[in-house]
Amino acid sequence: MTTPRRTDRTALGLAALLTTTGAIHLVDPHRFDPAVPGWLPGSRLAWELASGVAELGCAALLALPRTRRFGGAATAALFVAVFPGNLHMASRARSPKGRAMTLARLPLQVPLVLWAWRVARPS
């Protein structure tokens, strides 16, 4: 059984990660150009900024005990939703090193989804 204090630390750690990545999406959105598939409607910039806003929104939900369970579920859904973009980025990598790095990153989505889901589950 997870103690409330441990759940707080787990949720706040995930919120900190999302705050960091969300801020990067807003400050340097073009860093994520390779992750946005061309078949998505609208501009790459709009998707990159929306992703950053979604990450910051999930972070805020995770930070507040009242909305933490919903925030965990929303975060798990967000991690699943961005997976195709990560696959796209891996398939479009220009160098062997870039491809290796993006492919190595793909399995990390599983523990991220599980981390978020752990926060969403009742103690």
PDB file of N, CA and C in Angstrom:
ATOM      1  N   MET A   1       0.841  -1.185   0.000  1.00  0.00           N
ATOM      2  CA  MET A   1       0.000   0.000   0.000  1.00  0.00           C
ATOM      3  C   MET A   1       0.888   1.251   0.000  1.00  0.00           C
ATOM      4  N   THR A   2       0.516   2.226  -0.768  1.00  0.00           N
ATOM      5  CA  THR A   2       1.279   3.459  -0.865  1.00  0.00           C
ATOM      6  C   THR A   2       0.804   4.439   0.194  1.00  0.00           C
ATOM      7  N   THR A   3       1.749   5.016   0.901  1.00  0.00           N
ATOM      8  CA  THR A   3       1.392   6.002   1.922  1.00  0.00           C
ATOM      9  C   THR A   3       1.094   7.334   1.260  1.00  0.00           C
ATOM     10  N   PRO A   4       0.254   8.173   1.894  1.00  0.00           N
ATOM     11  CA  PRO A   4      -0.041   9.482   1.296  1.00  0.00           C
ATOM     12  C   PRO A   4       1.220  10.302   1.041  1.00  0.00           C
ATOM     13  N   ARG A   5       2.174  10.259   1.941  1.00  0.00           N
ATOM     14  CA  ARG A   5       3.393  11.043   1.762  1.00  0.00           C
ATOM     15  C   ARG A   5       4.177  10.566   0.534  1.00  0.00           C
ATOM     16  N   ARG A   6       4.263   9.247   0.358  1.00  0.00           N
ATOM     17  CA  ARG A   6       4.962   8.708  -0.805  1.00  0.00           C
ATOM     18  C   ARG A   6       4.212   9.072  -2.091  1.00  0.00           C
ATOM     19  N   THR A   7       2.892   9.007  -2.055  1.00  0.00           N
ATOM     20  CA  THR A   7       2.095   9.399  -3.210  1.00  0.00           C
ATOM     21  C   THR A   7       2.337  10.858  -3.554  1.00  0.00           C
ATOM     22  N   ASP A   8       2.435  11.718  -2.541  1.00  0.00           N
ATOM     23  CA  ASP A   8       2.723  13.134  -2.783  1.00  0.00           C
ATOM     24  C   ASP A   8       4.062  13.288  -3.493  1.00  0.00           C
ATOM     25  N   ARG A   9       5.079  12.610  -2.998  1.00  0.00           N
ATOM     26  CA  ARG A   9       6.407  12.721  -3.620  1.00  0.00           C
ATOM     27  C   ARG A   9       6.394  12.194  -5.052  1.00  0.00           C
ATOM     28  N   THR A  10       5.704  11.087  -5.259  1.00  0.00           N
ATOM     29  CA  THR A  10       5.618  10.500  -6.592  1.00  0.00           C
ATOM     30  C   THR A  10       4.928  11.459  -7.560  1.00  0.00           C
ATOM     31  N   ALA A  11       3.812  12.021  -7.129  1.00  0.00           N
ATOM     32  CA  ALA A  11       3.060  12.945  -7.974  1.00  0.00           C
ATOM     33  C   ALA A  11       3.843  14.227  -8.226  1.00  0.00           C
ATOM     34  N   LEU A  12       4.490  14.739  -7.196  1.00  0.00           N
ATOM     35  CA  LEU A  12       5.234  15.986  -7.350  1.00  0.00           C
ATOM     36  C   LEU A  12       6.477  15.792  -8.212  1.00  0.00           C
ATOM     37  N   GLY A  13       7.084  14.624  -8.151  1.00  0.00           N
ATOM     38  CA  GLY A  13       8.215  14.334  -9.030  1.00  0.00           C
ATOM     39  C   GLY A  13       7.790  14.311 -10.488  1.00  0.00           C
ATOM     40  N   LEU A  14       6.657  13.685 -10.743  1.00  0.00           N
ATOM     41  CA  LEU A  14       6.134  13.649 -12.103  1.00  0.00           C
ATOM     42  C   LEU A  14       5.720  15.053 -12.554  1.00  0.00           C
ATOM     43  N   ALA A  15       5.136  15.820 -11.651  1.00  0.00           N
ATOM     44  CA  ALA A  15       4.770  17.206 -11.975  1.00  0.00           C
ATOM     45  C   ALA A  15       6.008  18.025 -12.327  1.00  0.00           C
ATOM     46  N   ALA A  16       7.094  17.813 -11.604  1.00  0.00           N
ATOM     47  CA  ALA A  16       8.337  18.542 -11.896  1.00  0.00           C
ATOM     48  C   ALA A  16       8.873  18.183 -13.279  1.00  0.00           C
ATOM     49  N   LEU A  17       8.832  16.893 -13.614  1.00  0.00           N
ATOM     50  CA  LEU A  17       9.277  16.458 -14.943  1.00  0.00           C
ATOM     51  C   LEU A  17       8.438  17.110 -16.034  1.00  0.00           C
ATOM     52  N   LEU A  18       7.126  17.105 -15.858  1.00  0.00           N
ATOM     53  CA  LEU A  18       6.231  17.695 -16.857  1.00  0.00           C
ATOM     54  C   LEU A  18       6.385  19.210 -16.942  1.00  0.00           C
ATOM     55  N   THR A  19       6.651  19.852 -15.820  1.00  0.00           N
ATOM     56  CA  THR A  19       6.881  21.297 -15.829  1.00  0.00           C
ATOM     57  C   THR A  19       8.115  21.616 -16.659  1.00  0.00           C
ATOM     58  N   THR A  20       9.149  20.818 -16.486  1.00  0.00           N
ATOM     59  CA  THR A  20      10.385  21.028 -17.244  1.00  0.00           C
ATOM     60  C   THR A  20      10.161  20.823 -18.734  1.00  0.00           C
ATOM     61  N   THR A  21       9.555  19.694 -19.094  1.00  0.00           N
ATOM     62  CA  THR A  21       9.360  19.426 -20.523  1.00  0.00           C
ATOM     63  C   THR A  21       8.344  20.390 -21.135  1.00  0.00           C
ATOM     64  N   GLY A  22       7.322  20.751 -20.376  1.00  0.00           N
ATOM     65  CA  GLY A  22       6.347  21.722 -20.877  1.00  0.00           C
ATOM     66  C   GLY A  22       6.983  23.068 -21.141  1.00  0.00           C
ATOM     67  N   ALA A  23       7.841  23.500 -20.231  1.00  0.00           N
ATOM     68  CA  ALA A  23       8.536  24.778 -20.412  1.00  0.00           C
ATOM     69  C   ALA A  23       9.446  24.731 -21.636  1.00  0.00           C
ATOM     70  N   ILE A  24      10.136  23.614 -21.847  1.00  0.00           N
ATOM     71  CA  ILE A  24      11.005  23.480 -23.016  1.00  0.00           C
ATOM     72  C   ILE A  24      10.167  23.576 -24.295  1.00  0.00           C
ATOM     73  N   HIS A  25       8.987  22.942 -24.294  1.00  0.00           N
ATOM     74  CA  HIS A  25       8.118  23.024 -25.465  1.00  0.00           C
ATOM     75  C   HIS A  25       7.732  24.472 -25.773  1.00  0.00           C
ATOM     76  N   LEU A  26       7.539  25.272 -24.743  1.00  0.00           N
ATOM     77  CA  LEU A  26       7.122  26.657 -24.965  1.00  0.00           C
ATOM     78  C   LEU A  26       8.286  27.584 -25.294  1.00  0.00           C
ATOM     79  N   VAL A  27       9.445  27.316 -24.706  1.00  0.00           N
ATOM     80  CA  VAL A  27      10.610  28.182 -24.911  1.00  0.00           C
ATOM     81  C   VAL A  27      11.340  27.852 -26.220  1.00  0.00           C
ATOM     82  N   ASP A  28      11.439  26.579 -26.551  1.00  0.00           N
ATOM     83  CA  ASP A  28      12.170  26.142 -27.743  1.00  0.00           C
ATOM     84  C   ASP A  28      11.334  25.114 -28.517  1.00  0.00           C
ATOM     85  N   PRO A  29      10.166  25.529 -29.011  1.00  0.00           N
ATOM     86  CA  PRO A  29       9.257  24.549 -29.616  1.00  0.00           C
ATOM     87  C   PRO A  29       9.822  23.853 -30.856  1.00  0.00           C
ATOM     88  N   HIS A  30      10.660  24.516 -31.609  1.00  0.00           N
ATOM     89  CA  HIS A  30      11.153  23.908 -32.847  1.00  0.00           C
ATOM     90  C   HIS A  30      12.090  22.731 -32.605  1.00  0.00           C
ATOM     91  N   ARG A  31      12.526  22.573 -31.372  1.00  0.00           N
ATOM     92  CA  ARG A  31      13.324  21.399 -31.013  1.00  0.00           C
ATOM     93  C   ARG A  31      12.523  20.125 -31.286  1.00  0.00           C
ATOM     94  N   PHE A  32      11.195  20.250 -31.252  1.00  0.00           N
ATOM     95  CA  PHE A  32      10.321  19.092 -31.396  1.00  0.00           C
ATOM     96  C   PHE A  32       9.765  18.931 -32.808  1.00  0.00           C
ATOM     97  N   ASP A  33      10.262  19.716 -33.763  1.00  0.00           N
ATOM     98  CA  ASP A  33       9.802  19.607 -35.149  1.00  0.00           C
ATOM     99  C   ASP A  33       9.829  18.169 -35.669  1.00  0.00           C
ATOM    100  N   PRO A  34      10.909  17.416 -35.415  1.00  0.00           N
ATOM    101  CA  PRO A  34      10.951  16.051 -35.961  1.00  0.00           C
ATOM    102  C   PRO A  34       9.892  15.112 -35.382  1.00  0.00           C
ATOM    103  N   ALA A  35       9.294  15.465 -34.257  1.00  0.00           N
ATOM    104  CA  ALA A  35       8.314  14.584 -33.632  1.00  0.00           C
ATOM    105  C   ALA A  35       6.907  14.792 -34.182  1.00  0.00           C
ATOM    106  N   VAL A  36       6.677  15.864 -34.922  1.00  0.00           N
ATOM    107  CA  VAL A  36       5.325  16.172 -35.391  1.00  0.00           C
ATOM    108  C   VAL A  36       5.137  15.612 -36.800  1.00  0.00           C
ATOM    109  N   PRO A  37       4.303  14.573 -36.919  1.00  0.00           N
ATOM    110  CA  PRO A  37       4.072  13.998 -38.246  1.00  0.00           C
ATOM    111  C   PRO A  37       3.414  15.013 -39.183  1.00  0.00           C
ATOM    112  N   GLY A  38       3.790  14.963 -40.447  1.00  0.00           N
ATOM    113  CA  GLY A  38       3.252  15.892 -41.430  1.00  0.00           C
ATOM    114  C   GLY A  38       1.766  15.718 -41.690  1.00  0.00           C
ATOM    115  N   TRP A  39       1.196  14.546 -41.360  1.00  0.00           N
ATOM    116  CA  TRP A  39      -0.217  14.308 -41.638  1.00  0.00           C
ATOM    117  C   TRP A  39      -1.140  14.977 -40.618  1.00  0.00           C
ATOM    118  N   LEU A  40      -0.582  15.507 -39.524  1.00  0.00           N
ATOM    119  CA  LEU A  40      -1.427  16.210 -38.563  1.00  0.00           C
ATOM    120  C   LEU A  40      -1.876  17.545 -39.164  1.00  0.00           C
ATOM    121  N   PRO A  41      -3.130  17.934 -38.954  1.00  0.00           N
ATOM    122  CA  PRO A  41      -3.582  19.220 -39.488  1.00  0.00           C
ATOM    123  C   PRO A  41      -2.961  20.375 -38.717  1.00  0.00           C
ATOM    124  N   GLY A  42      -2.859  21.512 -39.364  1.00  0.00           N
ATOM    125  CA  GLY A  42      -2.319  22.690 -38.699  1.00  0.00           C
ATOM    126  C   GLY A  42      -0.804  22.726 -38.759  1.00  0.00           C
ATOM    127  N   SER A  43      -0.271  23.698 -38.076  1.00  0.00           N
ATOM    128  CA  SER A  43       1.180  23.890 -38.108  1.00  0.00           C
ATOM    129  C   SER A  43       1.893  23.064 -37.050  1.00  0.00           C
ATOM    130  N   ARG A  44       3.134  22.770 -37.317  1.00  0.00           N
ATOM    131  CA  ARG A  44       3.967  22.069 -36.328  1.00  0.00           C
ATOM    132  C   ARG A  44       4.042  22.894 -35.044  1.00  0.00           C
ATOM    133  N   LEU A  45       4.232  24.194 -35.209  1.00  0.00           N
ATOM    134  CA  LEU A  45       4.359  25.070 -34.043  1.00  0.00           C
ATOM    135  C   LEU A  45       3.126  24.971 -33.145  1.00  0.00           C
ATOM    136  N   ALA A  46       1.960  24.941 -33.732  1.00  0.00           N
ATOM    137  CA  ALA A  46       0.730  24.837 -32.927  1.00  0.00           C
ATOM    138  C   ALA A  46       0.723  23.542 -32.119  1.00  0.00           C
ATOM    139  N   TRP A  47       1.122  22.439 -32.733  1.00  0.00           N
ATOM    140  CA  TRP A  47       1.161  21.155 -32.026  1.00  0.00           C
ATOM    141  C   TRP A  47       2.206  21.160 -30.915  1.00  0.00           C
ATOM    142  N   GLU A  48       3.348  21.757 -31.209  1.00  0.00           N
ATOM    143  CA  GLU A  48       4.419  21.814 -30.206  1.00  0.00           C
ATOM    144  C   GLU A  48       3.997  22.656 -29.004  1.00  0.00           C
ATOM    145  N   LEU A  49       3.379  23.791 -29.267  1.00  0.00           N
ATOM    146  CA  LEU A  49       2.916  24.645 -28.163  1.00  0.00           C
ATOM    147  C   LEU A  49       1.773  23.986 -27.401  1.00  0.00           C
ATOM    148  N   ALA A  50       0.857  23.348 -28.126  1.00  0.00           N
ATOM    149  CA  ALA A  50      -0.252  22.656 -27.459  1.00  0.00           C
ATOM    150  C   ALA A  50       0.265  21.532 -26.571  1.00  0.00           C
ATOM    151  N   SER A  51       1.285  20.844 -27.020  1.00  0.00           N
ATOM    152  CA  SER A  51       1.877  19.776 -26.219  1.00  0.00           C
ATOM    153  C   SER A  51       2.479  20.344 -24.930  1.00  0.00           C
ATOM    154  N   GLY A  52       3.160  21.466 -25.042  1.00  0.00           N
ATOM    155  CA  GLY A  52       3.725  22.109 -23.855  1.00  0.00           C
ATOM    156  C   GLY A  52       2.654  22.546 -22.885  1.00  0.00           C
ATOM    157  N   VAL A  53       1.574  23.112 -23.401  1.00  0.00           N
ATOM    158  CA  VAL A  53       0.464  23.542 -22.547  1.00  0.00           C
ATOM    159  C   VAL A  53      -0.171  22.323 -21.873  1.00  0.00           C
ATOM    160  N   ALA A  54      -0.338  21.236 -22.623  1.00  0.00           N
ATOM    161  CA  ALA A  54      -0.907  20.011 -22.047  1.00  0.00           C
ATOM    162  C   ALA A  54      -0.010  19.472 -20.930  1.00  0.00           C
ATOM    163  N   GLU A  55       1.295  19.494 -21.139  1.00  0.00           N
ATOM    164  CA  GLU A  55       2.221  19.020 -20.100  1.00  0.00           C
ATOM    165  C   GLU A  55       2.135  19.898 -18.854  1.00  0.00           C
ATOM    166  N   LEU A  56       2.079  21.197 -19.052  1.00  0.00           N
ATOM    167  CA  LEU A  56       1.966  22.102 -17.899  1.00  0.00           C
ATOM    168  C   LEU A  56       0.621  21.937 -17.191  1.00  0.00           C
ATOM    169  N   GLY A  57      -0.430  21.713 -17.963  1.00  0.00           N
ATOM    170  CA  GLY A  57      -1.743  21.463 -17.362  1.00  0.00           C
ATOM    171  C   GLY A  57      -1.747  20.193 -16.536  1.00  0.00           C
ATOM    172  N   CYS A  58      -1.149  19.134 -17.061  1.00  0.00           N
ATOM    173  CA  CYS A  58      -1.054  17.874 -16.308  1.00  0.00           C
ATOM    174  C   CYS A  58      -0.220  18.079 -15.043  1.00  0.00           C
ATOM    175  N   ALA A  59       0.859  18.840 -15.149  1.00  0.00           N
ATOM    176  CA  ALA A  59       1.701  19.117 -13.976  1.00  0.00           C
ATOM    177  C   ALA A  59       0.892  19.815 -12.893  1.00  0.00           C
ATOM    178  N   ALA A  60       0.080  20.777 -13.296  1.00  0.00           N
ATOM    179  CA  ALA A  60      -0.742  21.500 -12.318  1.00  0.00           C
ATOM    180  C   ALA A  60      -1.749  20.562 -11.659  1.00  0.00           C
ATOM    181  N   LEU A  61      -2.366  19.688 -12.449  1.00  0.00           N
ATOM    182  CA  LEU A  61      -3.323  18.729 -11.891  1.00  0.00           C
ATOM    183  C   LEU A  61      -2.642  17.783 -10.907  1.00  0.00           C
ATOM    184  N   LEU A  62      -1.433  17.366 -11.222  1.00  0.00           N
ATOM    185  CA  LEU A  62      -0.689  16.460 -10.342  1.00  0.00           C
ATOM    186  C   LEU A  62      -0.251  17.149  -9.051  1.00  0.00           C
ATOM    187  N   ALA A  63      -0.009  18.434  -9.121  1.00  0.00           N
ATOM    188  CA  ALA A  63       0.500  19.166  -7.957  1.00  0.00           C
ATOM    189  C   ALA A  63      -0.556  19.380  -6.883  1.00  0.00           C
ATOM    190  N   LEU A  64      -1.810  19.359  -7.270  1.00  0.00           N
ATOM    191  CA  LEU A  64      -2.890  19.615  -6.311  1.00  0.00           C
ATOM    192  C   LEU A  64      -3.522  18.308  -5.858  1.00  0.00           C
ATOM    193  N   PRO A  65      -3.538  18.041  -4.565  1.00  0.00           N
ATOM    194  CA  PRO A  65      -4.111  16.780  -4.080  1.00  0.00           C
ATOM    195  C   PRO A  65      -5.546  16.529  -4.560  1.00  0.00           C
ATOM    196  N   ARG A  66      -6.341  17.570  -4.670  1.00  0.00           N
ATOM    197  CA  ARG A  66      -7.742  17.414  -5.083  1.00  0.00           C
ATOM    198  C   ARG A  66      -7.884  16.893  -6.505  1.00  0.00           C
ATOM    199  N   THR A  67      -6.935  17.232  -7.370  1.00  0.00           N
ATOM    200  CA  THR A  67      -7.033  16.853  -8.781  1.00  0.00           C
ATOM    201  C   THR A  67      -5.981  15.827  -9.191  1.00  0.00           C
ATOM    202  N   ARG A  68      -5.285  15.298  -8.215  1.00  0.00           N
ATOM    203  CA  ARG A  68      -4.145  14.421  -8.491  1.00  0.00           C
ATOM    204  C   ARG A  68      -4.538  13.148  -9.238  1.00  0.00           C
ATOM    205  N   ARG A  69      -5.618  12.496  -8.825  1.00  0.00           N
ATOM    206  CA  ARG A  69      -6.012  11.243  -9.500  1.00  0.00           C
ATOM    207  C   ARG A  69      -6.358  11.505 -10.958  1.00  0.00           C
ATOM    208  N   PHE A  70      -7.126  12.562 -11.209  1.00  0.00           N
ATOM    209  CA  PHE A  70      -7.450  12.917 -12.588  1.00  0.00           C
ATOM    210  C   PHE A  70      -6.176  13.292 -13.349  1.00  0.00           C
ATOM    211  N   GLY A  71      -5.292  14.033 -12.684  1.00  0.00           N
ATOM    212  CA  GLY A  71      -4.032  14.428 -13.304  1.00  0.00           C
ATOM    213  C   GLY A  71      -3.178  13.229 -13.687  1.00  0.00           C
ATOM    214  N   GLY A  72      -3.160  12.206 -12.852  1.00  0.00           N
ATOM    215  CA  GLY A  72      -2.415  10.994 -13.177  1.00  0.00           C
ATOM    216  C   GLY A  72      -2.976  10.301 -14.403  1.00  0.00           C
ATOM    217  N   ALA A  73      -4.314  10.206 -14.474  1.00  0.00           N
ATOM    218  CA  ALA A  73      -4.948   9.580 -15.642  1.00  0.00           C
ATOM    219  C   ALA A  73      -4.710  10.420 -16.898  1.00  0.00           C
ATOM    220  N   ALA A  74      -4.818  11.740 -16.761  1.00  0.00           N
ATOM    221  CA  ALA A  74      -4.580  12.625 -17.918  1.00  0.00           C
ATOM    222  C   ALA A  74      -3.132  12.523 -18.392  1.00  0.00           C
ATOM    223  N   THR A  75      -2.218  12.421 -17.449  1.00  0.00           N
ATOM    224  CA  THR A  75      -0.803  12.308 -17.797  1.00  0.00           C
ATOM    225  C   THR A  75      -0.514  10.987 -18.492  1.00  0.00           C
ATOM    226  N   ALA A  76      -1.096   9.898 -17.993  1.00  0.00           N
ATOM    227  CA  ALA A  76      -0.917   8.601 -18.653  1.00  0.00           C
ATOM    228  C   ALA A  76      -1.442   8.679 -20.084  1.00  0.00           C
ATOM    229  N   ALA A  77      -2.602   9.298 -20.262  1.00  0.00           N
ATOM    230  CA  ALA A  77      -3.174   9.444 -21.606  1.00  0.00           C
ATOM    231  C   ALA A  77      -2.272  10.306 -22.495  1.00  0.00           C
ATOM    232  N   LEU A  78      -1.714  11.368 -21.929  1.00  0.00           N
ATOM    233  CA  LEU A  78      -0.811  12.230 -22.694  1.00  0.00           C
ATOM    234  C   LEU A  78       0.419  11.453 -23.156  1.00  0.00           C
ATOM    235  N   PHE A  79       1.002  10.660 -22.263  1.00  0.00           N
ATOM    236  CA  PHE A  79       2.181   9.876 -22.636  1.00  0.00           C
ATOM    237  C   PHE A  79       1.858   8.870 -23.751  1.00  0.00           C
ATOM    238  N   VAL A  80       0.668   8.292 -23.708  1.00  0.00           N
ATOM    239  CA  VAL A  80       0.257   7.373 -24.768  1.00  0.00           C
ATOM    240  C   VAL A  80       0.030   8.151 -26.065  1.00  0.00           C
ATOM    241  N   ALA A  81      -0.575   9.327 -25.957  1.00  0.00           N
ATOM    242  CA  ALA A  81      -0.891  10.132 -27.145  1.00  0.00           C
ATOM    243  C   ALA A  81       0.358  10.619 -27.878  1.00  0.00           C
ATOM    244  N   VAL A  82       1.429  10.899 -27.162  1.00  0.00           N
ATOM    245  CA  VAL A  82       2.636  11.407 -27.827  1.00  0.00           C
ATOM    246  C   VAL A  82       3.532  10.288 -28.357  1.00  0.00           C
ATOM    247  N   PHE A  83       3.212   9.052 -28.028  1.00  0.00           N
ATOM    248  CA  PHE A  83       4.048   7.938 -28.483  1.00  0.00           C
ATOM    249  C   PHE A  83       4.181   7.884 -30.008  1.00  0.00           C
ATOM    250  N   PRO A  84       3.099   8.074 -30.778  1.00  0.00           N
ATOM    251  CA  PRO A  84       3.279   8.069 -32.239  1.00  0.00           C
ATOM    252  C   PRO A  84       4.262   9.146 -32.719  1.00  0.00           C
ATOM    253  N   GLY A  85       4.269  10.284 -32.054  1.00  0.00           N
ATOM    254  CA  GLY A  85       5.236  11.324 -32.413  1.00  0.00           C
ATOM    255  C   GLY A  85       6.657  10.874 -32.148  1.00  0.00           C
ATOM    256  N   ASN A  86       6.851  10.153 -31.050  1.00  0.00           N
ATOM    257  CA  ASN A  86       8.185   9.630 -30.749  1.00  0.00           C
ATOM    258  C   ASN A  86       8.603   8.578 -31.775  1.00  0.00           C
ATOM    259  N   LEU A  87       7.657   7.740 -32.193  1.00  0.00           N
ATOM    260  CA  LEU A  87       7.947   6.767 -33.256  1.00  0.00           C
ATOM    261  C   LEU A  87       8.305   7.484 -34.560  1.00  0.00           C
ATOM    262  N   HIS A  88       7.552   8.526 -34.871  1.00  0.00           N
ATOM    263  CA  HIS A  88       7.801   9.303 -36.083  1.00  0.00           C
ATOM    264  C   HIS A  88       9.205   9.904 -36.047  1.00  0.00           C
ATOM    265  N   MET A  89       9.572  10.448 -34.895  1.00  0.00           N
ATOM    266  CA  MET A  89      10.888  11.057 -34.763  1.00  0.00           C
ATOM    267  C   MET A  89      11.979  10.002 -34.944  1.00  0.00           C
ATOM    268  N   ALA A  90      11.777   8.818 -34.393  1.00  0.00           N
ATOM    269  CA  ALA A  90      12.772   7.755 -34.553  1.00  0.00           C
ATOM    270  C   ALA A  90      12.898   7.334 -36.012  1.00  0.00           C
ATOM    271  N   SER A  91      11.778   7.296 -36.713  1.00  0.00           N
ATOM    272  CA  SER A  91      11.820   6.857 -38.117  1.00  0.00           C
ATOM    273  C   SER A  91      12.450   7.907 -39.032  1.00  0.00           C
ATOM    274  N   ARG A  92      12.474   9.157 -38.585  1.00  0.00           N
ATOM    275  CA  ARG A  92      12.994  10.236 -39.408  1.00  0.00           C
ATOM    276  C   ARG A  92      14.389  10.705 -39.006  1.00  0.00           C
ATOM    277  N   ALA A  93      14.989  10.039 -38.039  1.00  0.00           N
ATOM    278  CA  ALA A  93      16.315  10.458 -37.572  1.00  0.00           C
ATOM    279  C   ALA A  93      17.295  10.443 -38.735  1.00  0.00           C
ATOM    280  N   ARG A  94      18.123  11.466 -38.806  1.00  0.00           N
ATOM    281  CA  ARG A  94      19.037  11.627 -39.945  1.00  0.00           C
ATOM    282  C   ARG A  94      20.371  10.929 -39.765  1.00  0.00           C
ATOM    283  N   SER A  95      20.756  10.687 -38.530  1.00  0.00           N
ATOM    284  CA  SER A  95      22.056  10.060 -38.300  1.00  0.00           C
ATOM    285  C   SER A  95      21.859   8.763 -37.515  1.00  0.00           C
ATOM    286  N   PRO A  96      22.808   7.853 -37.623  1.00  0.00           N
ATOM    287  CA  PRO A  96      22.708   6.619 -36.833  1.00  0.00           C
ATOM    288  C   PRO A  96      22.640   6.900 -35.326  1.00  0.00           C
ATOM    289  N   LYS A  97      23.421   7.883 -34.875  1.00  0.00           N
ATOM    290  CA  LYS A  97      23.391   8.231 -33.450  1.00  0.00           C
ATOM    291  C   LYS A  97      22.018   8.779 -33.060  1.00  0.00           C
ATOM    292  N   GLY A  98      21.467   9.648 -33.886  1.00  0.00           N
ATOM    293  CA  GLY A  98      20.137  10.201 -33.620  1.00  0.00           C
ATOM    294  C   GLY A  98      19.078   9.120 -33.598  1.00  0.00           C
ATOM    295  N   ARG A  99      19.165   8.197 -34.540  1.00  0.00           N
ATOM    296  CA  ARG A  99      18.199   7.093 -34.581  1.00  0.00           C
ATOM    297  C   ARG A  99      18.335   6.218 -33.338  1.00  0.00           C
ATOM    298  N   ALA A 100      19.568   5.923 -32.941  1.00  0.00           N
ATOM    299  CA  ALA A 100      19.790   5.097 -31.745  1.00  0.00           C
ATOM    300  C   ALA A 100      19.218   5.783 -30.502  1.00  0.00           C
ATOM    301  N   MET A 101      19.435   7.089 -30.410  1.00  0.00           N
ATOM    302  CA  MET A 101      18.937   7.818 -29.238  1.00  0.00           C
ATOM    303  C   MET A 101      17.402   7.835 -29.206  1.00  0.00           C
ATOM    304  N   THR A 102      16.783   8.076 -30.351  1.00  0.00           N
ATOM    305  CA  THR A 102      15.320   8.122 -30.355  1.00  0.00           C
ATOM    306  C   THR A 102      14.706   6.743 -30.163  1.00  0.00           C
ATOM    307  N   LEU A 103      15.349   5.720 -30.693  1.00  0.00           N
ATOM    308  CA  LEU A 103      14.846   4.358 -30.471  1.00  0.00           C
ATOM    309  C   LEU A 103      15.012   3.939 -29.012  1.00  0.00           C
ATOM    310  N   ALA A 104      16.122   4.331 -28.406  1.00  0.00           N
ATOM    311  CA  ALA A 104      16.353   3.988 -26.995  1.00  0.00           C
ATOM    312  C   ALA A 104      15.344   4.679 -26.094  1.00  0.00           C
ATOM    313  N   ARG A 105      14.845   5.816 -26.524  1.00  0.00           N
ATOM    314  CA  ARG A 105      13.883   6.581 -25.729  1.00  0.00           C
ATOM    315  C   ARG A 105      12.490   5.948 -25.726  1.00  0.00           C
ATOM    316  N   LEU A 106      12.150   5.218 -26.768  1.00  0.00           N
ATOM    317  CA  LEU A 106      10.803   4.658 -26.897  1.00  0.00           C
ATOM    318  C   LEU A 106      10.386   3.786 -25.713  1.00  0.00           C
ATOM    319  N   PRO A 107      11.227   2.853 -25.250  1.00  0.00           N
ATOM    320  CA  PRO A 107      10.804   2.020 -24.120  1.00  0.00           C
ATOM    321  C   PRO A 107      10.591   2.816 -22.822  1.00  0.00           C
ATOM    322  N   LEU A 108      11.144   4.011 -22.740  1.00  0.00           N
ATOM    323  CA  LEU A 108      10.956   4.825 -21.532  1.00  0.00           C
ATOM    324  C   LEU A 108       9.511   5.285 -21.375  1.00  0.00           C
ATOM    325  N   GLN A 109       8.740   5.249 -22.453  1.00  0.00           N
ATOM    326  CA  GLN A 109       7.336   5.633 -22.350  1.00  0.00           C
ATOM    327  C   GLN A 109       6.578   4.690 -21.417  1.00  0.00           C
ATOM    328  N   VAL A 110       6.957   3.431 -21.384  1.00  0.00           N
ATOM    329  CA  VAL A 110       6.241   2.457 -20.547  1.00  0.00           C
ATOM    330  C   VAL A 110       6.349   2.829 -19.067  1.00  0.00           C
ATOM    331  N   PRO A 111       7.554   3.044 -18.504  1.00  0.00           N
ATOM    332  CA  PRO A 111       7.590   3.429 -17.095  1.00  0.00           C
ATOM    333  C   PRO A 111       6.939   4.790 -16.836  1.00  0.00           C
ATOM    334  N   LEU A 112       6.963   5.689 -17.810  1.00  0.00           N
ATOM    335  CA  LEU A 112       6.298   6.979 -17.616  1.00  0.00           C
ATOM    336  C   LEU A 112       4.785   6.796 -17.504  1.00  0.00           C
ATOM    337  N   VAL A 113       4.209   5.969 -18.371  1.00  0.00           N
ATOM    338  CA  VAL A 113       2.771   5.695 -18.301  1.00  0.00           C
ATOM    339  C   VAL A 113       2.446   5.015 -16.969  1.00  0.00           C
ATOM    340  N   LEU A 114       3.260   4.057 -16.562  1.00  0.00           N
ATOM    341  CA  LEU A 114       3.015   3.360 -15.290  1.00  0.00           C
ATOM    342  C   LEU A 114       3.145   4.303 -14.105  1.00  0.00           C
ATOM    343  N   TRP A 115       4.097   5.211 -14.162  1.00  0.00           N
ATOM    344  CA  TRP A 115       4.288   6.202 -13.103  1.00  0.00           C
ATOM    345  C   TRP A 115       3.025   7.055 -12.975  1.00  0.00           C
ATOM    346  N   ALA A 116       2.544   7.542 -14.098  1.00  0.00           N
ATOM    347  CA  ALA A 116       1.336   8.369 -14.082  1.00  0.00           C
ATOM    348  C   ALA A 116       0.134   7.562 -13.597  1.00  0.00           C
ATOM    349  N   TRP A 117       0.040   6.328 -14.039  1.00  0.00           N
ATOM    350  CA  TRP A 117      -1.100   5.493 -13.638  1.00  0.00           C
ATOM    351  C   TRP A 117      -1.059   5.187 -12.141  1.00  0.00           C
ATOM    352  N   ARG A 118       0.148   5.031 -11.602  1.00  0.00           N
ATOM    353  CA  ARG A 118       0.301   4.805 -10.155  1.00  0.00           C
ATOM    354  C   ARG A 118      -0.260   5.983  -9.374  1.00  0.00           C
ATOM    355  N   VAL A 119      -0.042   7.181  -9.868  1.00  0.00           N
ATOM    356  CA  VAL A 119      -0.573   8.385  -9.215  1.00  0.00           C
ATOM    357  C   VAL A 119      -2.095   8.414  -9.334  1.00  0.00           C
ATOM    358  N   ALA A 120      -2.628   7.942 -10.462  1.00  0.00           N
ATOM    359  CA  ALA A 120      -4.073   7.982 -10.694  1.00  0.00           C
ATOM    360  C   ALA A 120      -4.840   6.985  -9.840  1.00  0.00           C
ATOM    361  N   ARG A 121      -4.200   5.888  -9.477  1.00  0.00           N
ATOM    362  CA  ARG A 121      -4.886   4.857  -8.690  1.00  0.00           C
ATOM    363  C   ARG A 121      -5.101   5.335  -7.257  1.00  0.00           C
ATOM    364  N   PRO A 122      -6.216   4.946  -6.682  1.00  0.00           N
ATOM    365  CA  PRO A 122      -6.424   5.294  -5.267  1.00  0.00           C
ATOM    366  C   PRO A 122      -5.443   4.539  -4.393  1.00  0.00           C
ATOM    367  N   SER A 123      -5.045   5.152  -3.289  1.00  0.00           N
ATOM    368  CA  SER A 123      -4.078   4.526  -2.359  1.00  0.00           C
ATOM    369  C   SER A 123      -4.688   3.314  -1.705  1.00  0.00           C
TER     370      SER A 123
END
